[in-house]
């Protein structure tokens, strides 16, 4: 697993345990045939997206210690912010916690939510 993948995994597990409505948001492409590619997701969209308790859109881009945003990732996060959402670049759980607090979301104040029973069969 890559350093970014480890950070994303830790953040997703924590958000899930805290009851956040957030999920992994993969994007990219795969080769279907030698001359055909299948694209999925929006180029530059955040690694994790979700909805905050007050209904605001949440976008979290995970990066390693030295990772840099691509122009498409920066544009996506800027658009989320411009439209009133919360957009975060997180290189660690601590950065996520700090950014959420600055945005007015102390994690311990957010009510736990468990939708339960919605597992894939």
C-alpha atoms as a PDB file:
ATOM      1  CA  UNK A   1       0.000   0.000   0.000  1.00  0.00           C
ATOM      2  CA  UNK A   2       1.268   3.483  -0.869  1.00  0.00           C
ATOM      3  CA  UNK A   3       1.802   6.147   1.823  1.00  0.00           C
ATOM      4  CA  UNK A   4      -1.256   8.008   0.482  1.00  0.00           C
ATOM      5  CA  UNK A   5      -3.231   4.769   0.526  1.00  0.00           C
ATOM      6  CA  UNK A   6      -2.361   4.210   4.199  1.00  0.00           C
ATOM      7  CA  UNK A   7      -3.424   7.749   5.122  1.00  0.00           C
ATOM      8  CA  UNK A   8      -6.668   7.358   3.170  1.00  0.00           C
ATOM      9  CA  UNK A   9      -7.387   4.021   4.850  1.00  0.00           C
ATOM     10  CA  UNK A  10      -6.864   5.442   8.360  1.00  0.00           C
ATOM     11  CA  UNK A  11      -9.035   8.480   7.596  1.00  0.00           C
ATOM     12  CA  UNK A  12     -11.845   6.385   6.084  1.00  0.00           C
ATOM     13  CA  UNK A  13     -11.879   3.995   9.063  1.00  0.00           C
ATOM     14  CA  UNK A  14     -11.994   6.894  11.503  1.00  0.00           C
ATOM     15  CA  UNK A  15     -14.752   8.724   9.639  1.00  0.00           C
ATOM     16  CA  UNK A  16     -16.778   5.512   9.472  1.00  0.00           C
ATOM     17  CA  UNK A  17     -16.385   4.884  13.209  1.00  0.00           C
ATOM     18  CA  UNK A  18     -17.445   8.461  13.942  1.00  0.00           C
ATOM     19  CA  UNK A  19     -20.539   8.022  11.812  1.00  0.00           C
ATOM     20  CA  UNK A  20     -19.605  10.362   8.987  1.00  0.00           C
ATOM     21  CA  UNK A  21     -21.352   9.759   5.672  1.00  0.00           C
ATOM     22  CA  UNK A  22     -18.158   9.595   3.606  1.00  0.00           C
ATOM     23  CA  UNK A  23     -16.678   7.134   1.141  1.00  0.00           C
ATOM     24  CA  UNK A  24     -13.712   6.317  -1.060  1.00  0.00           C
ATOM     25  CA  UNK A  25     -13.973   8.056  -4.426  1.00  0.00           C
ATOM     26  CA  UNK A  26     -11.688   6.359  -6.931  1.00  0.00           C
ATOM     27  CA  UNK A  27     -11.105   7.883 -10.336  1.00  0.00           C
ATOM     28  CA  UNK A  28      -8.883   6.928 -13.224  1.00  0.00           C
ATOM     29  CA  UNK A  29      -9.006   4.544 -16.132  1.00  0.00           C
ATOM     30  CA  UNK A  30      -8.411   0.916 -17.051  1.00  0.00           C
ATOM     31  CA  UNK A  31      -7.573  -0.682 -20.358  1.00  0.00           C
ATOM     32  CA  UNK A  32     -10.547  -2.711 -21.602  1.00  0.00           C
ATOM     33  CA  UNK A  33      -8.902  -3.816 -24.841  1.00  0.00           C
ATOM     34  CA  UNK A  34      -5.577  -2.921 -26.449  1.00  0.00           C
ATOM     35  CA  UNK A  35      -7.174   0.121 -28.090  1.00  0.00           C
ATOM     36  CA  UNK A  36      -9.969   1.014 -25.642  1.00  0.00           C
ATOM     37  CA  UNK A  37      -9.807   2.646 -22.221  1.00  0.00           C
ATOM     38  CA  UNK A  38     -12.640   2.946 -19.704  1.00  0.00           C
ATOM     39  CA  UNK A  39     -12.562   6.117 -17.599  1.00  0.00           C
ATOM     40  CA  UNK A  40     -14.314   6.331 -14.227  1.00  0.00           C
ATOM     41  CA  UNK A  41     -14.829   9.125 -11.737  1.00  0.00           C
ATOM     42  CA  UNK A  42     -14.166  12.816 -12.324  1.00  0.00           C
ATOM     43  CA  UNK A  43     -10.561  13.690 -13.082  1.00  0.00           C
ATOM     44  CA  UNK A  44      -9.114  15.559 -10.106  1.00  0.00           C
ATOM     45  CA  UNK A  45     -11.948  14.700  -7.732  1.00  0.00           C
ATOM     46  CA  UNK A  46     -11.025  14.154  -4.094  1.00  0.00           C
ATOM     47  CA  UNK A  47     -10.008  10.745  -2.727  1.00  0.00           C
ATOM     48  CA  UNK A  48     -12.770  10.851  -0.127  1.00  0.00           C
ATOM     49  CA  UNK A  49     -16.112  12.573  -0.511  1.00  0.00           C
ATOM     50  CA  UNK A  50     -19.091  12.791   1.774  1.00  0.00           C
ATOM     51  CA  UNK A  51     -21.765  14.900   3.399  1.00  0.00           C
ATOM     52  CA  UNK A  52     -21.302  16.680   6.724  1.00  0.00           C
ATOM     53  CA  UNK A  53     -24.019  16.626   9.422  1.00  0.00           C
ATOM     54  CA  UNK A  54     -25.325  20.041   8.333  1.00  0.00           C
ATOM     55  CA  UNK A  55     -25.602  18.925   4.704  1.00  0.00           C
ATOM     56  CA  UNK A  56     -22.404  20.520   3.396  1.00  0.00           C
ATOM     57  CA  UNK A  57     -20.358  18.640   0.826  1.00  0.00           C
ATOM     58  CA  UNK A  58     -17.047  17.227   2.123  1.00  0.00           C
ATOM     59  CA  UNK A  59     -14.006  16.592  -0.081  1.00  0.00           C
ATOM     60  CA  UNK A  60     -10.757  15.200   1.329  1.00  0.00           C
ATOM     61  CA  UNK A  61      -7.663  14.802  -0.828  1.00  0.00           C
ATOM     62  CA  UNK A  62      -5.116  12.553   0.859  1.00  0.00           C
ATOM     63  CA  UNK A  63      -1.442  13.150   0.204  1.00  0.00           C
ATOM     64  CA  UNK A  64       1.818  11.725   1.478  1.00  0.00           C
ATOM     65  CA  UNK A  65       4.203  13.973   3.374  1.00  0.00           C
ATOM     66  CA  UNK A  66       5.719  15.317   0.141  1.00  0.00           C
ATOM     67  CA  UNK A  67       2.763  14.720  -2.198  1.00  0.00           C
ATOM     68  CA  UNK A  68       1.566  17.600  -4.362  1.00  0.00           C
ATOM     69  CA  UNK A  69      -1.839  18.432  -5.755  1.00  0.00           C
ATOM     70  CA  UNK A  70      -2.289  18.170  -9.500  1.00  0.00           C
ATOM     71  CA  UNK A  71      -3.840  21.209 -11.200  1.00  0.00           C
ATOM     72  CA  UNK A  72      -7.090  19.198 -11.586  1.00  0.00           C
ATOM     73  CA  UNK A  73      -7.138  18.321  -7.862  1.00  0.00           C
ATOM     74  CA  UNK A  74      -6.539  21.949  -6.865  1.00  0.00           C
ATOM     75  CA  UNK A  75      -9.310  23.073  -9.221  1.00  0.00           C
ATOM     76  CA  UNK A  76     -11.747  20.496  -7.779  1.00  0.00           C
ATOM     77  CA  UNK A  77     -11.039  21.562  -4.168  1.00  0.00           C
ATOM     78  CA  UNK A  78     -11.277  25.253  -5.098  1.00  0.00           C
ATOM     79  CA  UNK A  79     -14.696  24.661  -6.702  1.00  0.00           C
ATOM     80  CA  UNK A  80     -15.938  22.784  -3.621  1.00  0.00           C
ATOM     81  CA  UNK A  81     -14.864  25.702  -1.402  1.00  0.00           C
ATOM     82  CA  UNK A  82     -16.338  28.310  -3.772  1.00  0.00           C
ATOM     83  CA  UNK A  83     -19.692  26.510  -3.711  1.00  0.00           C
ATOM     84  CA  UNK A  84     -19.775  26.374   0.101  1.00  0.00           C
ATOM     85  CA  UNK A  85     -18.398  22.898   0.738  1.00  0.00           C
ATOM     86  CA  UNK A  86     -15.502  21.864   2.948  1.00  0.00           C
ATOM     87  CA  UNK A  87     -12.359  20.877   1.033  1.00  0.00           C
ATOM     88  CA  UNK A  88      -9.341  19.481   2.874  1.00  0.00           C
ATOM     89  CA  UNK A  89      -5.878  18.260   1.944  1.00  0.00           C
ATOM     90  CA  UNK A  90      -4.877  15.729   4.604  1.00  0.00           C
ATOM     91  CA  UNK A  91      -1.376  14.326   4.990  1.00  0.00           C
ATOM     92  CA  UNK A  92      -2.260  12.765   8.350  1.00  0.00           C
ATOM     93  CA  UNK A  93      -5.204  12.158  10.619  1.00  0.00           C
ATOM     94  CA  UNK A  94      -4.035  15.125  12.698  1.00  0.00           C
ATOM     95  CA  UNK A  95      -4.273  17.441   9.678  1.00  0.00           C
ATOM     96  CA  UNK A  96      -7.784  16.194   8.992  1.00  0.00           C
ATOM     97  CA  UNK A  97      -8.836  16.778  12.605  1.00  0.00           C
ATOM     98  CA  UNK A  98      -7.324  20.279  12.593  1.00  0.00           C
ATOM     99  CA  UNK A  99      -8.970  21.230   9.285  1.00  0.00           C
ATOM    100  CA  UNK A 100     -12.388  19.957  10.398  1.00  0.00           C
ATOM    101  CA  UNK A 101     -12.100  21.911  13.654  1.00  0.00           C
ATOM    102  CA  UNK A 102     -11.159  25.079  11.738  1.00  0.00           C
ATOM    103  CA  UNK A 103     -14.256  24.535   9.575  1.00  0.00           C
ATOM    104  CA  UNK A 104     -16.402  24.262  12.721  1.00  0.00           C
ATOM    105  CA  UNK A 105     -16.680  20.483  12.994  1.00  0.00           C
ATOM    106  CA  UNK A 106     -15.180  19.186  16.235  1.00  0.00           C
ATOM    107  CA  UNK A 107     -15.290  15.442  15.701  1.00  0.00           C
ATOM    108  CA  UNK A 108     -16.350  14.696  19.268  1.00  0.00           C
ATOM    109  CA  UNK A 109     -19.385  16.986  18.840  1.00  0.00           C
ATOM    110  CA  UNK A 110     -20.715  15.175  15.801  1.00  0.00           C
ATOM    111  CA  UNK A 111     -23.437  12.676  16.715  1.00  0.00           C
ATOM    112  CA  UNK A 112     -22.658   9.075  15.979  1.00  0.00           C
ATOM    113  CA  UNK A 113     -24.733   7.535  13.238  1.00  0.00           C
ATOM    114  CA  UNK A 114     -24.910   3.880  12.330  1.00  0.00           C
ATOM    115  CA  UNK A 115     -27.010   2.992   9.313  1.00  0.00           C
ATOM    116  CA  UNK A 116     -26.494  -0.746   9.970  1.00  0.00           C
ATOM    117  CA  UNK A 117     -27.624  -3.660   7.862  1.00  0.00           C
ATOM    118  CA  UNK A 118     -26.435  -2.314   4.506  1.00  0.00           C
ATOM    119  CA  UNK A 119     -23.754  -4.836   3.636  1.00  0.00           C
ATOM    120  CA  UNK A 120     -23.063  -6.213   0.211  1.00  0.00           C
ATOM    121  CA  UNK A 121     -24.210  -9.800  -0.188  1.00  0.00           C
END
